[in-house]
Amino acid sequence: MAPLLVLLVLLGLAPRLARPLEPCPGPCRCRGYRLDCSGAALARVPPATRQWTFSMLDFTGNALSLIPPQAWKGYPWVEKL
């Protein structure tokens, strides 16, 4: 029974694993669990463009004067800004 369960789980995950990753929000760079937008001349937080669990966002050297609460909806796992 257990091998059948494992097979069913793997078959269910296969389509998700086969999907290519979407690129990082331009002009940022993805570096593991860090979204690096430093020095990118941003005036607002870029929308998330891929399903990834970023735990750190780097917006140093940008012109972010106001960050609306809805800007964080695409980054639910962020621990450090």
PDB file of N, CA and C in Angstrom:
ATOM      1  N   MET A   1       0.815  -1.202   0.000  1.00  0.00           N
ATOM      2  CA  MET A   1       0.000   0.000   0.000  1.00  0.00           C
ATOM      3  C   MET A   1       0.858   1.265   0.000  1.00  0.00           C
ATOM      4  N   ALA A   2       1.929   1.281   0.797  1.00  0.00           N
ATOM      5  CA  ALA A   2       2.789   2.468   0.891  1.00  0.00           C
ATOM      6  C   ALA A   2       3.453   2.804  -0.448  1.00  0.00           C
ATOM      7  N   PRO A   3       3.999   1.827  -1.205  1.00  0.00           N
ATOM      8  CA  PRO A   3       4.596   2.177  -2.501  1.00  0.00           C
ATOM      9  C   PRO A   3       3.570   2.788  -3.461  1.00  0.00           C
ATOM     10  N   LEU A   4       2.342   2.313  -3.422  1.00  0.00           N
ATOM     11  CA  LEU A   4       1.298   2.862  -4.278  1.00  0.00           C
ATOM     12  C   LEU A   4       1.002   4.308  -3.890  1.00  0.00           C
ATOM     13  N   LEU A   5       0.972   4.586  -2.609  1.00  0.00           N
ATOM     14  CA  LEU A   5       0.725   5.946  -2.124  1.00  0.00           C
ATOM     15  C   LEU A   5       1.846   6.878  -2.575  1.00  0.00           C
ATOM     16  N   VAL A   6       3.086   6.431  -2.454  1.00  0.00           N
ATOM     17  CA  VAL A   6       4.233   7.239  -2.881  1.00  0.00           C
ATOM     18  C   VAL A   6       4.131   7.528  -4.378  1.00  0.00           C
ATOM     19  N   LEU A   7       3.795   6.519  -5.170  1.00  0.00           N
ATOM     20  CA  LEU A   7       3.655   6.697  -6.613  1.00  0.00           C
ATOM     21  C   LEU A   7       2.562   7.707  -6.941  1.00  0.00           C
ATOM     22  N   LEU A   8       1.436   7.628  -6.261  1.00  0.00           N
ATOM     23  CA  LEU A   8       0.355   8.571  -6.507  1.00  0.00           C
ATOM     24  C   LEU A   8       0.758  10.002  -6.150  1.00  0.00           C
ATOM     25  N   VAL A   9       1.475  10.164  -5.063  1.00  0.00           N
ATOM     26  CA  VAL A   9       1.941  11.492  -4.658  1.00  0.00           C
ATOM     27  C   VAL A   9       2.901  12.039  -5.705  1.00  0.00           C
ATOM     28  N   LEU A  10       3.851  11.227  -6.161  1.00  0.00           N
ATOM     29  CA  LEU A  10       4.808  11.677  -7.164  1.00  0.00           C
ATOM     30  C   LEU A  10       4.130  12.025  -8.485  1.00  0.00           C
ATOM     31  N   LEU A  11       3.164  11.255  -8.877  1.00  0.00           N
ATOM     32  CA  LEU A  11       2.434  11.553 -10.107  1.00  0.00           C
ATOM     33  C   LEU A  11       1.651  12.858  -9.979  1.00  0.00           C
ATOM     34  N   GLY A  12       1.149  13.128  -8.811  1.00  0.00           N
ATOM     35  CA  GLY A  12       0.432  14.374  -8.578  1.00  0.00           C
ATOM     36  C   GLY A  12       1.343  15.589  -8.601  1.00  0.00           C
ATOM     37  N   LEU A  13       2.587  15.421  -8.193  1.00  0.00           N
ATOM     38  CA  LEU A  13       3.541  16.529  -8.165  1.00  0.00           C
ATOM     39  C   LEU A  13       4.246  16.735  -9.498  1.00  0.00           C
ATOM     40  N   ALA A  14       4.279  15.724 -10.350  1.00  0.00           N
ATOM     41  CA  ALA A  14       5.033  15.795 -11.601  1.00  0.00           C
ATOM     42  C   ALA A  14       4.701  17.020 -12.451  1.00  0.00           C
ATOM     43  N   PRO A  15       3.426  17.357 -12.678  1.00  0.00           N
ATOM     44  CA  PRO A  15       3.150  18.548 -13.499  1.00  0.00           C
ATOM     45  C   PRO A  15       3.699  19.830 -12.887  1.00  0.00           C
ATOM     46  N   ARG A  16       3.674  19.941 -11.578  1.00  0.00           N
ATOM     47  CA  ARG A  16       4.200  21.145 -10.918  1.00  0.00           C
ATOM     48  C   ARG A  16       5.704  21.224 -11.041  1.00  0.00           C
ATOM     49  N   LEU A  17       6.383  20.087 -10.923  1.00  0.00           N
ATOM     50  CA  LEU A  17       7.837  20.074 -11.005  1.00  0.00           C
ATOM     51  C   LEU A  17       8.319  20.325 -12.423  1.00  0.00           C
ATOM     52  N   ALA A  18       7.535  19.983 -13.416  1.00  0.00           N
ATOM     53  CA  ALA A  18       7.938  20.134 -14.806  1.00  0.00           C
ATOM     54  C   ALA A  18       7.789  21.575 -15.308  1.00  0.00           C
ATOM     55  N   ARG A  19       7.012  22.396 -14.599  1.00  0.00           N
ATOM     56  CA  ARG A  19       6.814  23.776 -15.012  1.00  0.00           C
ATOM     57  C   ARG A  19       8.107  24.569 -14.886  1.00  0.00           C
ATOM     58  N   PRO A  20       8.479  25.328 -15.903  1.00  0.00           N
ATOM     59  CA  PRO A  20       9.688  26.145 -15.774  1.00  0.00           C
ATOM     60  C   PRO A  20       9.457  27.284 -14.784  1.00  0.00           C
ATOM     61  N   LEU A  21      10.510  27.677 -14.107  1.00  0.00           N
ATOM     62  CA  LEU A  21      10.419  28.799 -13.176  1.00  0.00           C
ATOM     63  C   LEU A  21      10.279  30.090 -13.955  1.00  0.00           C
ATOM     64  N   GLU A  22       9.452  30.964 -13.460  1.00  0.00           N
ATOM     65  CA  GLU A  22       9.319  32.275 -14.073  1.00  0.00           C
ATOM     66  C   GLU A  22      10.514  33.115 -13.648  1.00  0.00           C
ATOM     67  N   PRO A  23      10.893  34.083 -14.451  1.00  0.00           N
ATOM     68  CA  PRO A  23      12.056  34.911 -14.107  1.00  0.00           C
ATOM     69  C   PRO A  23      11.789  35.794 -12.892  1.00  0.00           C
ATOM     70  N   CYS A  24      12.850  36.320 -12.346  1.00  0.00           N
ATOM     71  CA  CYS A  24      12.734  37.262 -11.238  1.00  0.00           C
ATOM     72  C   CYS A  24      12.067  38.539 -11.723  1.00  0.00           C
ATOM     73  N   PRO A  25      11.442  39.270 -10.804  1.00  0.00           N
ATOM     74  CA  PRO A  25      10.876  40.554 -11.211  1.00  0.00           C
ATOM     75  C   PRO A  25      11.996  41.476 -11.681  1.00  0.00           C
ATOM     76  N   GLY A  26      11.921  41.948 -12.895  1.00  0.00           N
ATOM     77  CA  GLY A  26      12.954  42.849 -13.423  1.00  0.00           C
ATOM     78  C   GLY A  26      12.897  44.187 -12.722  1.00  0.00           C
ATOM     79  N   PRO A  27      13.980  44.783 -12.489  1.00  0.00           N
ATOM     80  CA  PRO A  27      15.372  44.449 -12.786  1.00  0.00           C
ATOM     81  C   PRO A  27      16.091  43.752 -11.624  1.00  0.00           C
ATOM     82  N   CYS A  28      15.384  42.993 -10.840  1.00  0.00           N
ATOM     83  CA  CYS A  28      15.962  42.310  -9.672  1.00  0.00           C
ATOM     84  C   CYS A  28      16.668  41.020 -10.081  1.00  0.00           C
ATOM     85  N   ARG A  29      17.397  40.451  -9.126  1.00  0.00           N
ATOM     86  CA  ARG A  29      18.094  39.183  -9.326  1.00  0.00           C
ATOM     87  C   ARG A  29      17.690  38.220  -8.212  1.00  0.00           C
ATOM     88  N   CYS A  30      17.454  36.977  -8.569  1.00  0.00           N
ATOM     89  CA  CYS A  30      17.137  35.951  -7.580  1.00  0.00           C
ATOM     90  C   CYS A  30      18.429  35.260  -7.175  1.00  0.00           C
ATOM     91  N   ARG A  31      18.677  35.234  -5.890  1.00  0.00           N
ATOM     92  CA  ARG A  31      19.885  34.609  -5.350  1.00  0.00           C
ATOM     93  C   ARG A  31      19.474  33.688  -4.214  1.00  0.00           C
ATOM     94  N   GLY A  32      19.101  32.473  -4.586  1.00  0.00           N
ATOM     95  CA  GLY A  32      18.633  31.527  -3.580  1.00  0.00           C
ATOM     96  C   GLY A  32      17.328  32.008  -2.975  1.00  0.00           C
ATOM     97  N   TYR A  33      17.327  32.212  -1.673  1.00  0.00           N
ATOM     98  CA  TYR A  33      16.128  32.682  -0.970  1.00  0.00           C
ATOM     99  C   TYR A  33      16.097  34.193  -0.835  1.00  0.00           C
ATOM    100  N   ARG A  34      16.972  34.887  -1.560  1.00  0.00           N
ATOM    101  CA  ARG A  34      17.065  36.346  -1.470  1.00  0.00           C
ATOM    102  C   ARG A  34      16.683  36.974  -2.808  1.00  0.00           C
ATOM    103  N   LEU A  35      15.789  37.946  -2.767  1.00  0.00           N
ATOM    104  CA  LEU A  35      15.456  38.732  -3.945  1.00  0.00           C
ATOM    105  C   LEU A  35      16.282  40.008  -3.851  1.00  0.00           C
ATOM    106  N   ASP A  36      17.239  40.164  -4.743  1.00  0.00           N
ATOM    107  CA  ASP A  36      18.170  41.289  -4.714  1.00  0.00           C
ATOM    108  C   ASP A  36      17.734  42.340  -5.727  1.00  0.00           C
ATOM    109  N   CYS A  37      17.163  43.428  -5.206  1.00  0.00           N
ATOM    110  CA  CYS A  37      16.739  44.551  -6.037  1.00  0.00           C
ATOM    111  C   CYS A  37      17.571  45.781  -5.708  1.00  0.00           C
ATOM    112  N   SER A  38      18.736  45.590  -5.120  1.00  0.00           N
ATOM    113  CA  SER A  38      19.561  46.716  -4.690  1.00  0.00           C
ATOM    114  C   SER A  38      20.024  47.535  -5.898  1.00  0.00           C
ATOM    115  N   GLY A  39      19.956  48.864  -5.745  1.00  0.00           N
ATOM    116  CA  GLY A  39      20.415  49.780  -6.785  1.00  0.00           C
ATOM    117  C   GLY A  39      19.653  49.680  -8.091  1.00  0.00           C
ATOM    118  N   ALA A  40      18.415  49.240  -8.062  1.00  0.00           N
ATOM    119  CA  ALA A  40      17.646  49.034  -9.294  1.00  0.00           C
ATOM    120  C   ALA A  40      16.776  50.238  -9.668  1.00  0.00           C
ATOM    121  N   ALA A  41      16.912  51.334  -8.953  1.00  0.00           N
ATOM    122  CA  ALA A  41      16.142  52.562  -9.212  1.00  0.00           C
ATOM    123  C   ALA A  41      14.635  52.315  -9.166  1.00  0.00           C
ATOM    124  N   LEU A  42      14.191  51.512  -8.208  1.00  0.00           N
ATOM    125  CA  LEU A  42      12.768  51.205  -8.072  1.00  0.00           C
ATOM    126  C   LEU A  42      12.045  52.309  -7.308  1.00  0.00           C
ATOM    127  N   ALA A  43      10.826  52.631  -7.748  1.00  0.00           N
ATOM    128  CA  ALA A  43       9.976  53.578  -7.030  1.00  0.00           C
ATOM    129  C   ALA A  43       8.868  52.842  -6.289  1.00  0.00           C
ATOM    130  N   ARG A  44       8.705  51.530  -6.587  1.00  0.00           N
ATOM    131  CA  ARG A  44       7.703  50.703  -5.897  1.00  0.00           C
ATOM    132  C   ARG A  44       8.209  49.268  -5.829  1.00  0.00           C
ATOM    133  N   VAL A  45       7.608  48.496  -4.947  1.00  0.00           N
ATOM    134  CA  VAL A  45       7.971  47.084  -4.798  1.00  0.00           C
ATOM    135  C   VAL A  45       7.492  46.345  -6.046  1.00  0.00           C
ATOM    136  N   PRO A  46       8.380  45.599  -6.722  1.00  0.00           N
ATOM    137  CA  PRO A  46       7.940  44.890  -7.928  1.00  0.00           C
ATOM    138  C   PRO A  46       6.999  43.746  -7.580  1.00  0.00           C
ATOM    139  N   PRO A  47       6.013  43.479  -8.432  1.00  0.00           N
ATOM    140  CA  PRO A  47       5.112  42.348  -8.172  1.00  0.00           C
ATOM    141  C   PRO A  47       5.866  41.033  -8.290  1.00  0.00           C
ATOM    142  N   ALA A  48       5.503  40.083  -7.470  1.00  0.00           N
ATOM    143  CA  ALA A  48       6.134  38.759  -7.527  1.00  0.00           C
ATOM    144  C   ALA A  48       5.770  38.106  -8.861  1.00  0.00           C
ATOM    145  N   THR A  49       6.754  37.522  -9.526  1.00  0.00           N
ATOM    146  CA  THR A  49       6.507  36.913 -10.831  1.00  0.00           C
ATOM    147  C   THR A  49       6.702  35.415 -10.832  1.00  0.00           C
ATOM    148  N   ARG A  50       7.073  34.839  -9.704  1.00  0.00           N
ATOM    149  CA  ARG A  50       7.227  33.385  -9.646  1.00  0.00           C
ATOM    150  C   ARG A  50       6.909  32.899  -8.251  1.00  0.00           C
ATOM    151  N   GLN A  51       6.532  31.671  -8.162  1.00  0.00           N
ATOM    152  CA  GLN A  51       6.232  31.083  -6.860  1.00  0.00           C
ATOM    153  C   GLN A  51       7.546  30.620  -6.237  1.00  0.00           C
ATOM    154  N   TRP A  52       8.036  31.387  -5.317  1.00  0.00           N
ATOM    155  CA  TRP A  52       9.308  31.088  -4.668  1.00  0.00           C
ATOM    156  C   TRP A  52       9.220  31.612  -3.257  1.00  0.00           C
ATOM    157  N   THR A  53       9.827  30.947  -2.342  1.00  0.00           N
ATOM    158  CA  THR A  53       9.747  31.395  -0.959  1.00  0.00           C
ATOM    159  C   THR A  53      10.950  32.256  -0.607  1.00  0.00           C
ATOM    160  N   PHE A  54      10.898  33.516  -1.004  1.00  0.00           N
ATOM    161  CA  PHE A  54      11.955  34.446  -0.622  1.00  0.00           C
ATOM    162  C   PHE A  54      11.824  34.722   0.864  1.00  0.00           C
ATOM    163  N   SER A  55      12.933  34.615   1.582  1.00  0.00           N
ATOM    164  CA  SER A  55      12.904  34.952   2.999  1.00  0.00           C
ATOM    165  C   SER A  55      13.582  36.296   3.242  1.00  0.00           C
ATOM    166  N   MET A  56      14.234  36.853   2.200  1.00  0.00           N
ATOM    167  CA  MET A  56      14.899  38.140   2.357  1.00  0.00           C
ATOM    168  C   MET A  56      14.738  38.958   1.076  1.00  0.00           C
ATOM    169  N   LEU A  57      14.342  40.203   1.238  1.00  0.00           N
ATOM    170  CA  LEU A  57      14.235  41.139   0.116  1.00  0.00           C
ATOM    171  C   LEU A  57      15.233  42.258   0.341  1.00  0.00           C
ATOM    172  N   ASP A  58      16.001  42.591  -0.687  1.00  0.00           N
ATOM    173  CA  ASP A  58      16.992  43.664  -0.593  1.00  0.00           C
ATOM    174  C   ASP A  58      16.595  44.791  -1.540  1.00  0.00           C
ATOM    175  N   PHE A  59      16.142  45.909  -0.967  1.00  0.00           N
ATOM    176  CA  PHE A  59      15.748  47.069  -1.750  1.00  0.00           C
ATOM    177  C   PHE A  59      16.664  48.264  -1.472  1.00  0.00           C
ATOM    178  N   THR A  60      17.869  48.041  -1.016  1.00  0.00           N
ATOM    179  CA  THR A  60      18.783  49.157  -0.724  1.00  0.00           C
ATOM    180  C   THR A  60      19.103  49.922  -2.006  1.00  0.00           C
ATOM    181  N   GLY A  61      19.263  51.238  -1.850  1.00  0.00           N
ATOM    182  CA  GLY A  61      19.634  52.080  -2.981  1.00  0.00           C
ATOM    183  C   GLY A  61      18.507  52.334  -3.961  1.00  0.00           C
ATOM    184  N   ASN A  62      17.267  52.302  -3.503  1.00  0.00           N
ATOM    185  CA  ASN A  62      16.108  52.576  -4.351  1.00  0.00           C
ATOM    186  C   ASN A  62      15.360  53.789  -3.819  1.00  0.00           C
ATOM    187  N   ALA A  63      14.335  54.210  -4.542  1.00  0.00           N
ATOM    188  CA  ALA A  63      13.553  55.388  -4.162  1.00  0.00           C
ATOM    189  C   ALA A  63      12.158  54.985  -3.690  1.00  0.00           C
ATOM    190  N   LEU A  64      12.090  54.047  -2.754  1.00  0.00           N
ATOM    191  CA  LEU A  64      10.807  53.609  -2.204  1.00  0.00           C
ATOM    192  C   LEU A  64      10.400  54.559  -1.081  1.00  0.00           C
ATOM    193  N   SER A  65       9.390  55.388  -1.342  1.00  0.00           N
ATOM    194  CA  SER A  65       8.972  56.332  -0.315  1.00  0.00           C
ATOM    195  C   SER A  65       7.715  55.862   0.411  1.00  0.00           C
ATOM    196  N   LEU A  66       6.892  55.057  -0.250  1.00  0.00           N
ATOM    197  CA  LEU A  66       5.674  54.539   0.342  1.00  0.00           C
ATOM    198  C   LEU A  66       5.479  53.117  -0.160  1.00  0.00           C
ATOM    199  N   ILE A  67       5.223  52.208   0.775  1.00  0.00           N
ATOM    200  CA  ILE A  67       4.999  50.809   0.405  1.00  0.00           C
ATOM    201  C   ILE A  67       3.610  50.423   0.887  1.00  0.00           C
ATOM    202  N   PRO A  68       2.656  50.280  -0.047  1.00  0.00           N
ATOM    203  CA  PRO A  68       1.305  49.900   0.360  1.00  0.00           C
ATOM    204  C   PRO A  68       1.259  48.466   0.864  1.00  0.00           C
ATOM    205  N   PRO A  69       0.381  48.158   1.807  1.00  0.00           N
ATOM    206  CA  PRO A  69       0.302  46.804   2.376  1.00  0.00           C
ATOM    207  C   PRO A  69       0.108  45.707   1.333  1.00  0.00           C
ATOM    208  N   GLN A  70      -0.642  45.974   0.254  1.00  0.00           N
ATOM    209  CA  GLN A  70      -0.878  44.942  -0.753  1.00  0.00           C
ATOM    210  C   GLN A  70       0.387  44.576  -1.535  1.00  0.00           C
ATOM    211  N   ALA A  71       1.439  45.376  -1.437  1.00  0.00           N
ATOM    212  CA  ALA A  71       2.696  45.068  -2.127  1.00  0.00           C
ATOM    213  C   ALA A  71       3.325  43.774  -1.604  1.00  0.00           C
ATOM    214  N   TRP A  72       2.982  43.398  -0.371  1.00  0.00           N
ATOM    215  CA  TRP A  72       3.601  42.217   0.252  1.00  0.00           C
ATOM    216  C   TRP A  72       2.854  40.924  -0.014  1.00  0.00           C
ATOM    217  N   LYS A  73       1.701  40.978  -0.659  1.00  0.00           N
ATOM    218  CA  LYS A  73       0.907  39.768  -0.890  1.00  0.00           C
ATOM    219  C   LYS A  73       1.664  38.698  -1.674  1.00  0.00           C
ATOM    220  N   GLY A  74       2.535  39.091  -2.573  1.00  0.00           N
ATOM    221  CA  GLY A  74       3.300  38.125  -3.357  1.00  0.00           C
ATOM    222  C   GLY A  74       4.519  37.590  -2.637  1.00  0.00           C
ATOM    223  N   TYR A  75       4.810  38.098  -1.454  1.00  0.00           N
ATOM    224  CA  TYR A  75       6.004  37.706  -0.695  1.00  0.00           C
ATOM    225  C   TYR A  75       5.626  37.285   0.727  1.00  0.00           C
ATOM    226  N   PRO A  76       4.823  36.239   0.889  1.00  0.00           N
ATOM    227  CA  PRO A  76       4.320  35.896   2.225  1.00  0.00           C
ATOM    228  C   PRO A  76       5.360  35.328   3.184  1.00  0.00           C
ATOM    229  N   TRP A  77       6.502  34.881   2.698  1.00  0.00           N
ATOM    230  CA  TRP A  77       7.478  34.205   3.570  1.00  0.00           C
ATOM    231  C   TRP A  77       8.660  35.098   3.944  1.00  0.00           C
ATOM    232  N   VAL A  78       8.605  36.362   3.625  1.00  0.00           N
ATOM    233  CA  VAL A  78       9.735  37.252   3.898  1.00  0.00           C
ATOM    234  C   VAL A  78       9.929  37.428   5.394  1.00  0.00           C
ATOM    235  N   GLU A  79      11.174  37.283   5.812  1.00  0.00           N
ATOM    236  CA  GLU A  79      11.546  37.468   7.223  1.00  0.00           C
ATOM    237  C   GLU A  79      12.414  38.691   7.419  1.00  0.00           C
ATOM    238  N   LYS A  80      13.167  39.080   6.373  1.00  0.00           N
ATOM    239  CA  LYS A  80      14.078  40.223   6.471  1.00  0.00           C
ATOM    240  C   LYS A  80      13.898  41.136   5.283  1.00  0.00           C
ATOM    241  N   LEU A  81      13.914  42.438   5.573  1.00  0.00           N
ATOM    242  CA  LEU A  81      13.813  43.432   4.517  1.00  0.00           C
ATOM    243  C   LEU A  81      15.035  44.313   4.586  1.00  0.00           C
TER     244      LEU A  81
END
